[in-house]
Structure formats: C-alpha cells, structure tokens
C-alpha cells in the first residue's frame, strides 16, 4: 500500500448558491494553490502519481499548484451540496443558510437526513457516495508509490469517517473544519490506510498569509 495526500481545493466562488456558479476558484483560491505548490517544491515532496476530481475547482487547483497533469476521476468529486440543500428545503422546509453560522447548523442536519434516506431524488444516495469514495481510495492506495489527490472537503470528511469509524455528526464536524488547500495524509498501517495528518496549512502559517486560512 502507498501513502496518499489529499488536498482540498482552493477557495471557490463563495457568493454562489448553486453547483455551476460555485465551481471555479476565486483569485484567492488560485493564490492559495500557488503557495501550496511552492511549499511542496521547497520541501521536495515526492508524488509520482497525481489525481483529482473532474470539477473545475479541482483541475484549477492542481494547475495553479504546478502539478503534473492529473488523472481525473469523477469518483473524487464533491457531493452536490447545493442540490441537496434545495431538495431539503423543498421537502422538509429547512431554510438554506446565507452565512457560515447558518451553514454550521445546516450541514450536519443535511448529512443526517441524506444518510437516513429522508431527502428524495438526491443526485446520489449517501451509500453510493460512501462506495465511490471507498473504491477510489482503495485503488489509489494499492497501485504503488505516493499519490496526491486534489478533491473537496465533503469527500475528505468521508475518507476520515471511513478510516476512523466516525458517526454522521462527527463526519459533519470534520467537514466544517477543513480549510481551503489544506493537506490530509493517509499512511498504510497494517492492512489499512490511517490518518497521520489532518487540515495542515503550512503554506499559510506566515503572519502575512494567515488571512488566507479560509473555510469557504
């Protein structure tokens, strides 16, 4: 088995309220990715295998990091949270949040309803999301050689859930904590991949960059 480093994409279009308009990096998102790429080069990080989802924000992040052309795998894509939120609102009257404070309450409620099958006509079921994430990480982790994967926060929270046996509320707290362009690393311990790094942003620790430690 090989170790895997997961990267959440740079800051996207925070003003968006649908999937299409959200799916592009802001100017700050590109800068976060450039700083991360420079950090990896400065520390001589070695990743012979590069993967990302097929979403624009994933591809743009990998490009701004200066990574080699990645293998694009749709199984590494984010959940359609805006779509789930709209369905949750239509079917159960749960208001869609307009700020981070509202989002902190809304995300775990949405995850719980989705996992329970209470959101009808979702783009995919919670179980389908679990399966595609597990399958993708298993394939990447068994091919050989360190890999870097540019993806999204919801997917990273699922990876942590599967590695640590987290319940849904704990998975939601993990998702809320994940910062843009943060690093998350899994190492093989025995027959399984286990987390050894979570939410690291060494490229954003300098005082003049701390403003760029964003969650949304």
N, C-alpha and C. Protein backbone atom coordinates (compact mmCIF):
# COMPACT_ATOMS: atom_id res chain seq x y z
N UNK A 1 0.84 -1.20 0.00
CA UNK A 1 0.00 0.00 0.00
C UNK A 1 0.87 1.24 0.00
N UNK A 2 0.34 2.33 -0.51
CA UNK A 2 1.09 3.58 -0.62
C UNK A 2 0.38 4.69 0.13
N UNK A 3 1.16 5.68 0.59
CA UNK A 3 0.50 6.77 1.30
C UNK A 3 -0.13 7.73 0.30
N UNK A 4 -1.20 8.37 0.76
CA UNK A 4 -2.00 9.27 -0.06
C UNK A 4 -2.09 10.61 0.66
N UNK A 5 -1.84 11.69 -0.06
CA UNK A 5 -2.05 13.03 0.47
C UNK A 5 -3.24 13.65 -0.24
N UNK A 6 -4.25 14.02 0.52
CA UNK A 6 -5.45 14.66 -0.01
C UNK A 6 -5.33 16.17 0.16
N UNK A 7 -5.74 16.91 -0.85
CA UNK A 7 -5.72 18.38 -0.82
C UNK A 7 -7.13 18.87 -1.11
N UNK A 8 -7.64 19.71 -0.22
CA UNK A 8 -8.90 20.37 -0.56
C UNK A 8 -8.60 21.51 -1.53
N UNK A 9 -9.47 21.72 -2.49
CA UNK A 9 -9.30 22.76 -3.50
C UNK A 9 -9.18 24.15 -2.86
N UNK A 10 -8.68 25.09 -3.61
CA UNK A 10 -8.62 26.48 -3.16
C UNK A 10 -10.01 27.09 -3.03
N UNK A 11 -10.05 28.26 -2.43
CA UNK A 11 -11.34 28.94 -2.23
C UNK A 11 -12.07 29.07 -3.57
N UNK A 12 -13.35 28.69 -3.55
CA UNK A 12 -14.15 28.78 -4.77
C UNK A 12 -15.00 30.05 -4.72
N UNK A 13 -16.03 30.10 -5.56
CA UNK A 13 -16.88 31.29 -5.63
C UNK A 13 -17.84 31.30 -4.45
N UNK A 14 -17.47 31.98 -3.39
CA UNK A 14 -18.24 31.93 -2.15
C UNK A 14 -19.60 32.62 -2.26
N UNK A 15 -19.81 33.42 -3.28
CA UNK A 15 -21.10 34.09 -3.45
C UNK A 15 -22.14 33.22 -4.14
N UNK A 16 -21.72 32.07 -4.64
CA UNK A 16 -22.61 31.21 -5.42
C UNK A 16 -23.63 30.51 -4.52
N UNK A 17 -24.77 30.16 -5.11
CA UNK A 17 -25.79 29.40 -4.40
C UNK A 17 -26.27 28.22 -5.24
N UNK A 18 -25.45 27.82 -6.20
CA UNK A 18 -25.74 26.61 -6.98
C UNK A 18 -24.43 25.98 -7.40
N UNK A 19 -24.50 24.73 -7.87
CA UNK A 19 -23.30 23.96 -8.17
C UNK A 19 -22.46 24.59 -9.28
N UNK A 20 -23.12 25.02 -10.35
CA UNK A 20 -22.39 25.52 -11.52
C UNK A 20 -21.60 26.78 -11.19
N UNK A 21 -22.23 27.73 -10.54
CA UNK A 21 -21.56 29.00 -10.26
C UNK A 21 -20.50 28.88 -9.17
N UNK A 22 -20.65 27.91 -8.28
CA UNK A 22 -19.65 27.70 -7.23
C UNK A 22 -18.35 27.13 -7.79
N UNK A 23 -18.46 26.40 -8.89
CA UNK A 23 -17.35 25.56 -9.36
C UNK A 23 -16.29 26.33 -10.15
N UNK A 24 -15.65 27.29 -9.51
CA UNK A 24 -14.48 27.96 -10.07
C UNK A 24 -13.74 28.63 -8.93
N UNK A 25 -12.43 28.70 -9.04
CA UNK A 25 -11.64 29.30 -7.98
C UNK A 25 -11.74 30.82 -7.99
N UNK A 26 -11.73 31.38 -6.80
CA UNK A 26 -11.57 32.83 -6.68
C UNK A 26 -10.10 33.18 -6.91
N UNK A 27 -9.80 34.47 -7.00
CA UNK A 27 -8.41 34.89 -7.11
C UNK A 27 -7.60 34.40 -5.91
N UNK A 28 -8.20 34.47 -4.73
CA UNK A 28 -7.51 33.98 -3.54
C UNK A 28 -7.30 32.47 -3.62
N UNK A 29 -8.27 31.76 -4.17
CA UNK A 29 -8.13 30.32 -4.32
C UNK A 29 -6.93 29.94 -5.17
N UNK A 30 -6.73 30.67 -6.26
CA UNK A 30 -5.54 30.42 -7.10
C UNK A 30 -4.28 30.72 -6.32
N UNK A 31 -4.26 31.81 -5.55
CA UNK A 31 -3.07 32.16 -4.78
C UNK A 31 -2.77 31.11 -3.71
N UNK A 32 -3.79 30.65 -3.02
CA UNK A 32 -3.59 29.58 -2.03
C UNK A 32 -2.93 28.37 -2.68
N UNK A 33 -3.41 28.01 -3.87
CA UNK A 33 -2.86 26.85 -4.57
C UNK A 33 -1.42 27.09 -5.00
N UNK A 34 -1.11 28.30 -5.46
CA UNK A 34 0.27 28.60 -5.85
C UNK A 34 1.21 28.50 -4.64
N UNK A 35 0.75 29.04 -3.51
CA UNK A 35 1.58 28.95 -2.30
C UNK A 35 1.78 27.49 -1.87
N UNK A 36 0.75 26.67 -1.98
CA UNK A 36 0.89 25.27 -1.62
C UNK A 36 1.86 24.56 -2.56
N UNK A 37 1.73 24.81 -3.85
CA UNK A 37 2.64 24.19 -4.80
C UNK A 37 4.09 24.56 -4.52
N UNK A 38 4.34 25.84 -4.20
CA UNK A 38 5.69 26.28 -3.89
C UNK A 38 6.21 25.59 -2.62
N UNK A 39 5.33 25.44 -1.63
CA UNK A 39 5.72 24.75 -0.39
C UNK A 39 6.13 23.30 -0.67
N UNK A 40 5.36 22.61 -1.48
CA UNK A 40 5.68 21.23 -1.79
C UNK A 40 7.01 21.12 -2.54
N UNK A 41 7.26 22.06 -3.44
CA UNK A 41 8.54 22.04 -4.15
C UNK A 41 9.69 22.37 -3.21
N UNK A 42 9.50 23.34 -2.33
CA UNK A 42 10.55 23.72 -1.39
C UNK A 42 10.91 22.59 -0.44
N UNK A 43 9.92 21.79 -0.07
CA UNK A 43 10.16 20.68 0.85
C UNK A 43 10.45 19.38 0.11
N UNK A 44 10.56 19.47 -1.21
CA UNK A 44 10.90 18.32 -2.05
C UNK A 44 9.95 17.15 -1.85
N UNK A 45 8.69 17.47 -1.71
CA UNK A 45 7.67 16.43 -1.61
C UNK A 45 7.62 15.65 -2.92
N UNK A 46 7.53 14.35 -2.82
CA UNK A 46 7.62 13.48 -3.99
C UNK A 46 6.29 12.75 -4.19
N UNK A 47 5.62 13.08 -5.28
CA UNK A 47 4.34 12.45 -5.60
C UNK A 47 4.37 12.00 -7.06
N UNK A 48 4.79 10.77 -7.31
CA UNK A 48 4.83 10.30 -8.70
C UNK A 48 3.46 10.11 -9.33
N UNK A 49 2.42 10.07 -8.50
CA UNK A 49 1.07 9.88 -9.03
C UNK A 49 0.18 11.04 -8.57
N UNK A 50 -0.54 11.63 -9.52
CA UNK A 50 -1.37 12.81 -9.25
C UNK A 50 -2.79 12.54 -9.74
N UNK A 51 -3.76 12.80 -8.86
CA UNK A 51 -5.16 12.58 -9.18
C UNK A 51 -5.96 13.82 -8.80
N UNK A 52 -7.11 13.98 -9.44
CA UNK A 52 -8.07 14.99 -8.99
C UNK A 52 -9.44 14.58 -9.48
N UNK A 53 -10.46 15.23 -8.92
CA UNK A 53 -11.80 15.05 -9.46
C UNK A 53 -11.92 15.72 -10.82
N UNK A 54 -13.12 15.69 -11.37
CA UNK A 54 -13.33 16.29 -12.69
C UNK A 54 -13.94 17.68 -12.60
N UNK A 55 -14.16 18.18 -11.39
CA UNK A 55 -14.74 19.51 -11.23
C UNK A 55 -13.72 20.59 -11.57
N UNK A 56 -14.21 21.73 -12.06
CA UNK A 56 -13.33 22.82 -12.48
C UNK A 56 -12.42 23.27 -11.34
N UNK A 57 -12.96 23.38 -10.12
CA UNK A 57 -12.14 23.85 -9.00
C UNK A 57 -11.02 22.88 -8.65
N UNK A 58 -11.23 21.59 -8.91
CA UNK A 58 -10.17 20.61 -8.69
C UNK A 58 -9.06 20.78 -9.72
N UNK A 59 -9.46 20.88 -10.97
CA UNK A 59 -8.48 20.99 -12.06
C UNK A 59 -7.71 22.30 -11.94
N UNK A 60 -8.41 23.40 -11.62
CA UNK A 60 -7.74 24.69 -11.47
C UNK A 60 -6.76 24.69 -10.30
N UNK A 61 -7.12 24.03 -9.21
CA UNK A 61 -6.21 23.95 -8.06
C UNK A 61 -4.95 23.19 -8.42
N UNK A 62 -5.10 22.03 -9.06
CA UNK A 62 -3.94 21.24 -9.45
C UNK A 62 -3.04 22.04 -10.40
N UNK A 63 -3.66 22.78 -11.33
CA UNK A 63 -2.88 23.57 -12.28
C UNK A 63 -2.13 24.70 -11.58
N UNK A 64 -2.81 25.44 -10.70
CA UNK A 64 -2.14 26.54 -10.00
C UNK A 64 -1.07 26.04 -9.04
N UNK A 65 -1.21 24.81 -8.54
CA UNK A 65 -0.16 24.21 -7.72
C UNK A 65 1.07 23.86 -8.54
N UNK A 66 0.91 23.79 -9.85
CA UNK A 66 2.03 23.40 -10.70
C UNK A 66 2.26 21.91 -10.75
N UNK A 67 1.20 21.12 -10.47
CA UNK A 67 1.33 19.67 -10.51
C UNK A 67 1.34 19.17 -11.95
N UNK A 68 1.94 18.00 -12.18
CA UNK A 68 1.80 17.38 -13.50
C UNK A 68 0.33 17.12 -13.80
N UNK A 69 0.03 16.91 -15.07
CA UNK A 69 -1.35 16.65 -15.47
C UNK A 69 -1.91 15.49 -14.66
N UNK A 70 -3.00 15.72 -13.92
CA UNK A 70 -3.53 14.65 -13.06
C UNK A 70 -4.42 13.67 -13.80
N UNK A 71 -4.56 12.50 -13.23
CA UNK A 71 -5.61 11.57 -13.63
C UNK A 71 -6.92 12.11 -13.08
N UNK A 72 -7.89 12.36 -13.93
CA UNK A 72 -9.17 12.92 -13.49
C UNK A 72 -10.17 11.78 -13.28
N UNK A 73 -10.71 11.73 -12.09
CA UNK A 73 -11.58 10.62 -11.70
C UNK A 73 -12.84 11.21 -11.05
N UNK A 74 -13.98 11.01 -11.67
CA UNK A 74 -15.23 11.57 -11.16
C UNK A 74 -15.61 11.03 -9.79
N UNK A 75 -15.06 9.89 -9.40
CA UNK A 75 -15.34 9.36 -8.06
C UNK A 75 -14.75 10.26 -6.98
N UNK A 76 -13.83 11.15 -7.34
CA UNK A 76 -13.22 12.08 -6.39
C UNK A 76 -13.95 13.41 -6.32
N UNK A 77 -15.10 13.51 -6.97
CA UNK A 77 -15.87 14.75 -6.96
C UNK A 77 -16.62 14.95 -5.65
N UNK A 78 -16.94 16.20 -5.37
CA UNK A 78 -17.69 16.56 -4.18
C UNK A 78 -19.15 16.14 -4.30
N UNK A 79 -19.81 16.01 -3.17
CA UNK A 79 -21.27 15.86 -3.18
C UNK A 79 -21.89 17.15 -3.73
N UNK A 80 -23.10 17.04 -4.24
CA UNK A 80 -23.80 18.22 -4.74
C UNK A 80 -24.57 18.85 -3.58
N UNK A 81 -23.84 19.59 -2.75
CA UNK A 81 -24.45 20.10 -1.51
C UNK A 81 -25.56 21.11 -1.79
N UNK A 82 -25.35 21.99 -2.77
CA UNK A 82 -26.39 22.97 -3.07
C UNK A 82 -27.68 22.28 -3.52
N UNK A 83 -27.53 21.23 -4.31
CA UNK A 83 -28.70 20.48 -4.76
C UNK A 83 -29.39 19.80 -3.59
N UNK A 84 -28.61 19.17 -2.70
CA UNK A 84 -29.19 18.54 -1.52
C UNK A 84 -29.91 19.57 -0.65
N UNK A 85 -29.29 20.74 -0.48
CA UNK A 85 -29.89 21.78 0.35
C UNK A 85 -31.22 22.25 -0.24
N UNK A 86 -31.29 22.39 -1.56
CA UNK A 86 -32.53 22.83 -2.19
C UNK A 86 -33.63 21.77 -2.02
N UNK A 87 -33.27 20.50 -2.20
CA UNK A 87 -34.24 19.42 -2.01
C UNK A 87 -34.69 19.34 -0.55
N UNK A 88 -33.77 19.53 0.38
CA UNK A 88 -34.09 19.51 1.81
C UNK A 88 -35.08 20.63 2.14
N UNK A 89 -34.86 21.77 1.52
CA UNK A 89 -35.77 22.91 1.73
C UNK A 89 -37.15 22.62 1.15
N UNK A 90 -37.18 22.12 -0.07
CA UNK A 90 -38.46 21.86 -0.73
C UNK A 90 -39.26 20.77 -0.02
N UNK A 91 -38.57 19.74 0.45
CA UNK A 91 -39.27 18.58 1.01
C UNK A 91 -39.54 18.68 2.51
N UNK A 92 -38.71 19.46 3.23
CA UNK A 92 -38.84 19.50 4.68
C UNK A 92 -38.89 20.91 5.25
N UNK A 93 -38.83 21.93 4.38
CA UNK A 93 -38.93 23.30 4.84
C UNK A 93 -37.73 23.82 5.60
N UNK A 94 -36.57 23.17 5.45
CA UNK A 94 -35.36 23.60 6.14
C UNK A 94 -34.69 24.70 5.32
N UNK A 95 -34.57 25.86 5.91
CA UNK A 95 -34.04 27.01 5.18
C UNK A 95 -32.60 26.80 4.76
N UNK A 96 -32.28 27.31 3.58
CA UNK A 96 -30.90 27.26 3.08
C UNK A 96 -30.11 28.39 3.73
N UNK A 97 -28.95 28.11 4.32
CA UNK A 97 -28.22 29.15 5.05
C UNK A 97 -27.66 30.22 4.11
N UNK A 98 -27.49 31.41 4.67
CA UNK A 98 -26.92 32.52 3.90
C UNK A 98 -25.59 32.97 4.48
N UNK A 99 -25.14 32.36 5.58
CA UNK A 99 -23.85 32.73 6.17
C UNK A 99 -23.24 31.49 6.81
N UNK A 100 -21.98 31.63 7.26
CA UNK A 100 -21.29 30.47 7.83
C UNK A 100 -21.96 29.96 9.10
N UNK A 101 -22.48 30.86 9.93
CA UNK A 101 -23.13 30.42 11.15
C UNK A 101 -24.32 29.51 10.85
N UNK A 102 -25.10 29.88 9.86
CA UNK A 102 -26.21 29.02 9.46
C UNK A 102 -25.75 27.71 8.87
N UNK A 103 -24.65 27.76 8.13
CA UNK A 103 -24.09 26.58 7.49
C UNK A 103 -23.63 25.56 8.54
N UNK A 104 -23.09 26.05 9.67
CA UNK A 104 -22.60 25.16 10.73
C UNK A 104 -23.73 24.30 11.27
N UNK A 105 -24.93 24.83 11.33
CA UNK A 105 -26.09 24.05 11.78
C UNK A 105 -26.68 23.23 10.64
N UNK A 106 -26.65 23.78 9.45
CA UNK A 106 -27.34 23.16 8.32
C UNK A 106 -26.64 21.91 7.82
N UNK A 107 -25.32 21.93 7.77
CA UNK A 107 -24.59 20.80 7.18
C UNK A 107 -24.84 19.50 7.93
N UNK A 108 -24.69 19.44 9.26
CA UNK A 108 -24.96 18.16 9.93
C UNK A 108 -26.41 17.71 9.80
N UNK A 109 -27.36 18.64 9.78
CA UNK A 109 -28.76 18.26 9.59
C UNK A 109 -28.97 17.66 8.20
N UNK A 110 -28.31 18.25 7.22
CA UNK A 110 -28.44 17.74 5.85
C UNK A 110 -27.79 16.37 5.72
N UNK A 111 -26.59 16.21 6.26
CA UNK A 111 -25.92 14.91 6.22
C UNK A 111 -26.79 13.83 6.87
N UNK A 112 -27.36 14.14 8.04
CA UNK A 112 -28.17 13.15 8.76
C UNK A 112 -29.40 12.76 7.96
N UNK A 113 -30.09 13.75 7.38
CA UNK A 113 -31.28 13.45 6.59
C UNK A 113 -30.93 12.66 5.33
N UNK A 114 -29.84 13.04 4.70
CA UNK A 114 -29.39 12.34 3.49
C UNK A 114 -29.04 10.89 3.81
N UNK A 115 -28.27 10.67 4.89
CA UNK A 115 -27.86 9.32 5.26
C UNK A 115 -29.06 8.46 5.64
N UNK A 116 -30.11 9.08 6.22
CA UNK A 116 -31.31 8.35 6.61
C UNK A 116 -32.25 8.09 5.44
N UNK A 117 -31.93 8.62 4.27
CA UNK A 117 -32.80 8.44 3.11
C UNK A 117 -34.01 9.36 3.11
N UNK A 118 -33.93 10.46 3.88
CA UNK A 118 -35.07 11.36 4.00
C UNK A 118 -35.08 12.48 2.96
N UNK A 119 -34.06 12.54 2.11
CA UNK A 119 -34.05 13.50 1.01
C UNK A 119 -34.27 12.73 -0.29
N UNK A 120 -35.42 12.89 -0.86
CA UNK A 120 -35.78 12.14 -2.05
C UNK A 120 -35.18 12.79 -3.30
N UNK A 121 -34.91 11.95 -4.31
CA UNK A 121 -34.41 12.39 -5.62
C UNK A 121 -33.05 13.07 -5.53
N UNK A 122 -32.24 12.70 -4.54
CA UNK A 122 -30.87 13.23 -4.45
C UNK A 122 -30.05 12.75 -5.64
N UNK A 123 -29.04 13.53 -6.06
CA UNK A 123 -28.21 13.11 -7.20
C UNK A 123 -27.57 11.75 -7.00
N UNK A 124 -27.26 11.40 -5.75
CA UNK A 124 -26.77 10.08 -5.40
C UNK A 124 -27.15 9.83 -3.95
N UNK A 125 -27.23 8.56 -3.58
CA UNK A 125 -27.53 8.25 -2.19
C UNK A 125 -26.26 8.37 -1.35
N UNK A 126 -26.45 8.48 -0.05
CA UNK A 126 -25.30 8.51 0.85
C UNK A 126 -24.47 7.24 0.69
N UNK A 127 -25.14 6.10 0.53
CA UNK A 127 -24.43 4.84 0.36
C UNK A 127 -23.62 4.82 -0.93
N UNK A 128 -24.17 5.40 -2.00
CA UNK A 128 -23.41 5.47 -3.26
C UNK A 128 -22.17 6.34 -3.11
N UNK A 129 -22.31 7.44 -2.37
CA UNK A 129 -21.17 8.31 -2.09
C UNK A 129 -20.11 7.55 -1.30
N UNK A 130 -20.53 6.85 -0.25
CA UNK A 130 -19.59 6.04 0.53
C UNK A 130 -18.83 5.05 -0.36
N UNK A 131 -19.55 4.39 -1.22
CA UNK A 131 -18.95 3.34 -2.04
C UNK A 131 -17.96 3.89 -3.04
N UNK A 132 -18.31 5.00 -3.70
CA UNK A 132 -17.38 5.52 -4.71
C UNK A 132 -16.10 6.05 -4.07
N UNK A 133 -16.22 6.66 -2.89
CA UNK A 133 -15.04 7.15 -2.20
C UNK A 133 -14.15 5.99 -1.77
N UNK A 134 -14.76 4.97 -1.18
CA UNK A 134 -14.00 3.80 -0.75
C UNK A 134 -13.30 3.13 -1.92
N UNK A 135 -14.02 2.96 -3.02
CA UNK A 135 -13.43 2.30 -4.19
C UNK A 135 -12.27 3.10 -4.76
N UNK A 136 -12.44 4.41 -4.87
CA UNK A 136 -11.38 5.24 -5.44
C UNK A 136 -10.13 5.22 -4.57
N UNK A 137 -10.31 5.40 -3.26
CA UNK A 137 -9.15 5.42 -2.37
C UNK A 137 -8.47 4.07 -2.30
N UNK A 138 -9.24 2.99 -2.38
CA UNK A 138 -8.64 1.65 -2.38
C UNK A 138 -7.76 1.47 -3.60
N UNK A 139 -8.25 1.87 -4.77
CA UNK A 139 -7.45 1.72 -5.99
C UNK A 139 -6.19 2.59 -5.94
N UNK A 140 -6.33 3.83 -5.52
CA UNK A 140 -5.17 4.71 -5.45
C UNK A 140 -4.16 4.19 -4.44
N UNK A 141 -4.64 3.68 -3.32
CA UNK A 141 -3.75 3.25 -2.26
C UNK A 141 -3.04 1.94 -2.51
N UNK A 142 -3.47 1.19 -3.50
CA UNK A 142 -2.85 -0.11 -3.74
C UNK A 142 -2.03 -0.15 -5.04
N UNK A 143 -1.95 0.94 -5.76
CA UNK A 143 -1.23 0.91 -7.03
C UNK A 143 0.27 1.04 -6.86
N UNK A 144 0.76 1.64 -5.78
CA UNK A 144 2.19 1.75 -5.54
C UNK A 144 2.72 3.14 -5.77
N UNK A 145 3.48 3.63 -4.81
CA UNK A 145 4.08 4.96 -4.91
C UNK A 145 3.20 6.02 -4.30
N UNK A 146 3.76 7.02 -3.64
CA UNK A 146 2.96 8.08 -3.03
C UNK A 146 2.08 8.78 -4.06
N UNK A 147 0.89 9.17 -3.62
CA UNK A 147 -0.06 9.84 -4.51
C UNK A 147 -0.57 11.11 -3.85
N UNK A 148 -0.85 12.12 -4.67
CA UNK A 148 -1.51 13.33 -4.19
C UNK A 148 -2.85 13.45 -4.92
N UNK A 149 -3.89 13.80 -4.17
CA UNK A 149 -5.25 13.82 -4.69
C UNK A 149 -5.87 15.17 -4.38
N UNK A 150 -6.24 15.93 -5.41
CA UNK A 150 -6.93 17.21 -5.23
C UNK A 150 -8.42 16.96 -5.31
N UNK A 151 -9.14 17.30 -4.24
CA UNK A 151 -10.55 16.97 -4.16
C UNK A 151 -11.27 18.03 -3.33
N UNK A 152 -12.31 17.63 -2.59
CA UNK A 152 -13.16 18.58 -1.86
C UNK A 152 -13.34 18.15 -0.42
N UNK A 153 -13.86 19.10 0.40
CA UNK A 153 -13.98 18.87 1.82
C UNK A 153 -14.94 17.77 2.20
N UNK A 154 -16.08 17.68 1.52
CA UNK A 154 -17.03 16.63 1.84
C UNK A 154 -16.45 15.25 1.61
N UNK A 155 -15.71 15.10 0.51
CA UNK A 155 -15.09 13.82 0.23
C UNK A 155 -14.02 13.50 1.27
N UNK A 156 -13.22 14.50 1.65
CA UNK A 156 -12.19 14.26 2.66
C UNK A 156 -12.84 13.84 3.98
N UNK A 157 -13.96 14.46 4.33
CA UNK A 157 -14.63 14.06 5.57
C UNK A 157 -15.12 12.63 5.50
N UNK A 158 -15.54 12.17 4.33
CA UNK A 158 -15.94 10.78 4.18
C UNK A 158 -14.74 9.84 4.32
N UNK A 159 -13.60 10.24 3.77
CA UNK A 159 -12.39 9.43 3.91
C UNK A 159 -12.04 9.28 5.39
N UNK A 160 -12.11 10.38 6.14
CA UNK A 160 -11.81 10.33 7.57
C UNK A 160 -12.84 9.48 8.30
N UNK A 161 -14.11 9.60 7.93
CA UNK A 161 -15.17 8.77 8.53
C UNK A 161 -14.85 7.30 8.34
N UNK A 162 -14.48 6.92 7.13
CA UNK A 162 -14.23 5.52 6.85
C UNK A 162 -12.97 5.02 7.55
N UNK A 163 -11.96 5.86 7.65
CA UNK A 163 -10.72 5.45 8.30
C UNK A 163 -10.87 5.34 9.82
N UNK A 164 -11.72 6.21 10.39
CA UNK A 164 -11.82 6.30 11.85
C UNK A 164 -13.14 5.76 12.41
N UNK A 165 -14.05 5.32 11.56
CA UNK A 165 -15.32 4.80 12.03
C UNK A 165 -16.21 5.86 12.65
N UNK A 166 -16.23 7.07 12.07
CA UNK A 166 -16.98 8.18 12.65
C UNK A 166 -18.47 8.05 12.36
N UNK A 167 -19.29 8.57 13.27
CA UNK A 167 -20.71 8.67 13.00
C UNK A 167 -20.99 9.92 12.16
N UNK A 168 -22.23 10.11 11.78
CA UNK A 168 -22.57 11.20 10.87
C UNK A 168 -22.30 12.58 11.49
N UNK A 169 -22.71 12.84 12.75
CA UNK A 169 -22.40 14.15 13.32
C UNK A 169 -20.90 14.44 13.38
N UNK A 170 -20.10 13.43 13.68
CA UNK A 170 -18.65 13.62 13.71
C UNK A 170 -18.09 13.89 12.33
N UNK A 171 -18.61 13.19 11.33
CA UNK A 171 -18.19 13.44 9.95
C UNK A 171 -18.50 14.87 9.56
N UNK A 172 -19.68 15.37 9.97
CA UNK A 172 -20.05 16.75 9.65
C UNK A 172 -19.11 17.74 10.31
N UNK A 173 -18.70 17.50 11.55
CA UNK A 173 -17.76 18.40 12.22
C UNK A 173 -16.42 18.41 11.50
N UNK A 174 -15.99 17.25 11.02
CA UNK A 174 -14.76 17.18 10.24
C UNK A 174 -14.88 18.04 8.98
N UNK A 175 -16.00 17.91 8.27
CA UNK A 175 -16.21 18.66 7.04
C UNK A 175 -16.17 20.16 7.29
N UNK A 176 -16.77 20.59 8.38
CA UNK A 176 -16.81 22.02 8.70
C UNK A 176 -15.43 22.57 9.03
N UNK A 177 -14.54 21.73 9.52
CA UNK A 177 -13.22 22.19 9.94
C UNK A 177 -12.24 22.35 8.78
N UNK A 178 -12.48 21.70 7.67
CA UNK A 178 -11.48 21.59 6.60
C UNK A 178 -11.30 22.92 5.88
N UNK A 179 -10.05 23.37 5.80
CA UNK A 179 -9.72 24.65 5.17
C UNK A 179 -9.32 24.47 3.71
N UNK A 180 -9.43 25.53 2.96
CA UNK A 180 -9.03 25.51 1.55
C UNK A 180 -7.54 25.26 1.43
N UNK A 181 -7.19 24.40 0.50
CA UNK A 181 -5.82 23.94 0.20
C UNK A 181 -5.14 23.30 1.40
N UNK A 182 -5.92 22.74 2.32
CA UNK A 182 -5.33 22.01 3.44
C UNK A 182 -4.87 20.62 2.99
N UNK A 183 -3.90 20.10 3.74
CA UNK A 183 -3.31 18.79 3.46
C UNK A 183 -3.81 17.76 4.47
N UNK A 184 -4.09 16.56 3.98
CA UNK A 184 -4.57 15.45 4.80
C UNK A 184 -3.87 14.20 4.30
N UNK A 185 -3.20 13.46 5.20
CA UNK A 185 -2.37 12.34 4.73
C UNK A 185 -2.80 11.04 5.37
N UNK A 186 -2.83 10.00 4.55
CA UNK A 186 -3.11 8.64 4.99
C UNK A 186 -1.89 7.78 4.77
N UNK A 187 -1.49 7.03 5.79
CA UNK A 187 -0.38 6.09 5.67
C UNK A 187 -0.90 4.68 5.89
N UNK A 188 -0.30 3.70 5.21
CA UNK A 188 -0.69 2.31 5.49
C UNK A 188 -0.15 1.88 6.84
N UNK A 189 -1.05 1.47 7.71
CA UNK A 189 -0.69 0.89 9.00
C UNK A 189 -1.38 -0.46 9.06
N UNK A 190 -0.60 -1.51 8.99
CA UNK A 190 -1.18 -2.83 8.83
C UNK A 190 -1.82 -2.94 7.46
N UNK A 191 -3.03 -3.42 7.43
CA UNK A 191 -3.73 -3.62 6.15
C UNK A 191 -4.62 -2.45 5.78
N UNK A 192 -4.57 -1.35 6.55
CA UNK A 192 -5.48 -0.24 6.30
C UNK A 192 -4.71 1.08 6.19
N UNK A 193 -5.34 2.03 5.50
CA UNK A 193 -4.82 3.39 5.47
C UNK A 193 -5.36 4.15 6.68
N UNK A 194 -4.45 4.80 7.41
CA UNK A 194 -4.83 5.52 8.62
C UNK A 194 -4.38 6.97 8.54
N UNK A 195 -5.17 7.91 9.08
CA UNK A 195 -4.80 9.32 9.04
C UNK A 195 -3.57 9.61 9.90
N UNK A 196 -2.61 10.33 9.33
CA UNK A 196 -1.44 10.78 10.09
C UNK A 196 -1.28 12.30 10.01
N UNK A 197 -2.11 12.94 9.20
CA UNK A 197 -2.09 14.41 9.07
C UNK A 197 -3.49 14.87 8.72
N UNK A 198 -3.93 15.96 9.37
CA UNK A 198 -5.28 16.47 9.11
C UNK A 198 -5.26 17.99 9.09
N UNK A 199 -5.82 18.58 8.03
CA UNK A 199 -6.10 20.01 7.94
C UNK A 199 -4.84 20.88 8.10
N UNK A 200 -3.72 20.42 7.58
CA UNK A 200 -2.47 21.17 7.70
C UNK A 200 -2.39 22.23 6.61
N UNK A 201 -1.97 23.45 7.01
CA UNK A 201 -1.78 24.54 6.05
C UNK A 201 -0.43 25.22 6.30
N UNK A 202 0.66 24.49 6.18
CA UNK A 202 1.98 25.10 6.45
C UNK A 202 2.30 26.26 5.52
N UNK A 203 1.72 26.26 4.33
CA UNK A 203 1.97 27.32 3.36
C UNK A 203 1.21 28.61 3.69
N UNK A 204 0.33 28.54 4.71
CA UNK A 204 -0.47 29.71 5.09
C UNK A 204 -0.20 30.13 6.54
N UNK A 205 0.90 29.67 7.13
CA UNK A 205 1.16 29.94 8.54
C UNK A 205 1.88 31.27 8.78
N UNK A 206 2.59 31.79 7.79
CA UNK A 206 3.30 33.06 7.97
C UNK A 206 2.29 34.16 8.28
N UNK A 207 2.67 35.14 9.12
CA UNK A 207 1.72 36.18 9.51
C UNK A 207 1.05 36.90 8.35
N UNK A 208 1.78 37.11 7.27
CA UNK A 208 1.19 37.84 6.15
C UNK A 208 0.31 36.97 5.26
N UNK A 209 0.18 35.69 5.61
CA UNK A 209 -0.69 34.79 4.84
C UNK A 209 -1.85 34.25 5.66
N UNK A 210 -1.91 34.53 6.92
CA UNK A 210 -2.94 33.94 7.76
C UNK A 210 -4.35 34.38 7.34
N UNK A 211 -4.46 35.52 6.69
CA UNK A 211 -5.76 35.95 6.18
C UNK A 211 -6.33 34.96 5.17
N UNK A 212 -5.44 34.15 4.58
CA UNK A 212 -5.84 33.21 3.54
C UNK A 212 -6.25 31.84 4.10
N UNK A 213 -6.34 31.71 5.41
CA UNK A 213 -6.79 30.47 6.03
C UNK A 213 -8.32 30.46 6.04
N UNK A 214 -8.89 30.08 4.91
CA UNK A 214 -10.34 30.16 4.71
C UNK A 214 -11.00 28.80 4.76
N UNK A 215 -12.27 28.80 5.18
CA UNK A 215 -13.08 27.59 5.17
C UNK A 215 -14.09 27.59 4.02
N UNK A 216 -14.45 28.76 3.54
CA UNK A 216 -15.45 28.88 2.47
C UNK A 216 -14.87 29.70 1.32
